[in-house]
Protein backbone atom coordinates (compact mmCIF):
# COMPACT_ATOMS: atom_id res chain seq x y z
CA MET A 1 1.56 0.55 -26.06
CA PRO A 2 2.54 1.18 -22.43
CA ARG A 3 4.38 -1.41 -20.36
CA ILE A 4 3.48 -1.83 -16.71
CA MET A 5 3.93 -4.45 -14.02
CA MET A 6 1.06 -6.92 -13.79
CA ARG A 7 0.18 -5.76 -10.28
CA GLN A 8 -0.81 -2.34 -11.72
CA MET A 9 -3.34 -3.77 -14.19
CA LYS A 10 -7.01 -3.01 -13.67
CA ARG A 11 -9.96 -5.40 -13.74
CA GLY A 12 -10.90 -6.18 -17.36
CA GLN A 13 -7.57 -4.97 -18.72
CA THR A 14 -5.79 -7.12 -21.31
CA GLY A 15 -2.12 -7.29 -22.18
CA VAL A 16 0.75 -9.42 -23.39
CA ILE A 17 3.59 -10.47 -21.10
CA THR A 18 6.87 -8.91 -22.25
CA ALA A 19 9.22 -10.06 -19.47
CA VAL A 20 9.42 -12.12 -16.29
CA LYS A 21 11.92 -10.22 -14.15
CA VAL A 22 12.68 -12.77 -11.45
CA GLY A 23 14.90 -15.82 -11.31
CA GLY A 24 15.30 -18.72 -8.96
CA GLU A 25 12.42 -20.78 -7.63
CA LEU A 26 9.83 -18.02 -8.01
CA GLY A 27 10.83 -17.37 -11.63
CA ARG A 28 10.62 -21.08 -12.42
CA ARG A 29 7.17 -21.38 -10.80
CA VAL A 30 5.83 -18.37 -12.69
CA ARG A 31 7.12 -19.75 -16.01
CA ASP A 32 5.79 -23.24 -15.22
CA MET A 33 2.30 -21.70 -14.87
CA GLY A 34 2.56 -20.55 -18.49
CA LEU A 35 3.34 -16.92 -17.71
CA VAL A 36 6.06 -16.42 -20.32
CA PRO A 37 6.78 -13.56 -22.76
CA GLY A 38 4.22 -13.48 -25.58
CA THR A 39 1.35 -14.85 -23.47
CA GLN A 40 -1.88 -12.82 -23.53
CA ILE A 41 -3.58 -12.28 -20.17
CA THR A 42 -6.74 -10.57 -18.93
CA VAL A 43 -7.36 -9.50 -15.33
CA GLN A 44 -10.66 -11.10 -14.32
CA GLY A 45 -10.83 -9.71 -10.82
CA ARG A 46 -9.18 -9.15 -7.48
CA ALA A 47 -9.92 -10.23 -3.95
CA PRO A 48 -11.49 -7.60 -1.64
CA LEU A 49 -8.06 -6.51 -0.34
CA TYR A 50 -6.61 -6.65 -3.91
CA ASP A 51 -4.54 -9.76 -3.25
CA PRO A 52 -4.59 -12.19 -5.03
CA VAL A 53 -5.42 -11.28 -8.63
CA ALA A 54 -7.38 -13.65 -10.91
CA LEU A 55 -6.12 -13.89 -14.50
CA ARG A 56 -7.52 -15.38 -17.68
CA VAL A 57 -4.62 -17.23 -19.35
CA MET A 58 -4.92 -19.65 -22.29
CA ASP A 59 -8.61 -20.49 -21.69
CA GLY A 60 -8.05 -21.04 -17.99
CA THR A 61 -8.12 -19.04 -14.76
CA LEU A 62 -5.03 -18.54 -12.66
CA THR A 63 -4.53 -16.61 -9.42
CA LEU A 64 -1.32 -14.85 -8.42
CA ARG A 65 -0.25 -13.06 -5.29
CA ASN A 66 0.76 -9.44 -5.73
CA ASN A 67 4.36 -10.22 -4.77
CA GLU A 68 4.46 -12.60 -7.78
CA ALA A 69 2.70 -10.13 -10.12
CA ASP A 70 5.31 -7.49 -9.19
CA HIS A 71 7.89 -9.34 -11.32
CA ILE A 72 5.87 -9.68 -14.54
CA GLU A 73 6.01 -6.87 -17.11
CA VAL A 74 3.00 -6.53 -19.42
CA GLU A 75 2.36 -4.47 -22.53
CA VAL A 76 -1.23 -3.37 -22.07
CA SER A 77 -3.85 -2.67 -24.71
CA GLU A 78 -4.77 1.01 -24.50
CA ALA A 79 -8.29 0.40 -25.82
CA ARG A 80 -9.26 -1.60 -22.71
CA GLU A 81 -7.03 0.12 -20.19
CA GLY A 82 -8.83 1.07 -17.01
CA ARG A 83 -12.11 -0.58 -18.02
CA GLN A 84 -14.13 -1.62 -15.01
CA SER A 85 -16.40 -4.66 -15.14
């Protein structure tokens, strides 16, 4: 399965986080939100200018700015890749 950065995911696409490639305060905040390797996510939608992105994570909804999503690597499911809702 292909690995991409979360920012590149399309609406309705599902994947599993494989790496969080940022340290410091931003890395800690991202991990504190539950975005750690092994976590399944689904892109629910994006704002009109594509920032922020709304994610479905562990039965909840979370929004991230694109500059935060740029540091999260995701292994995407090919079956749902590119699906538009």
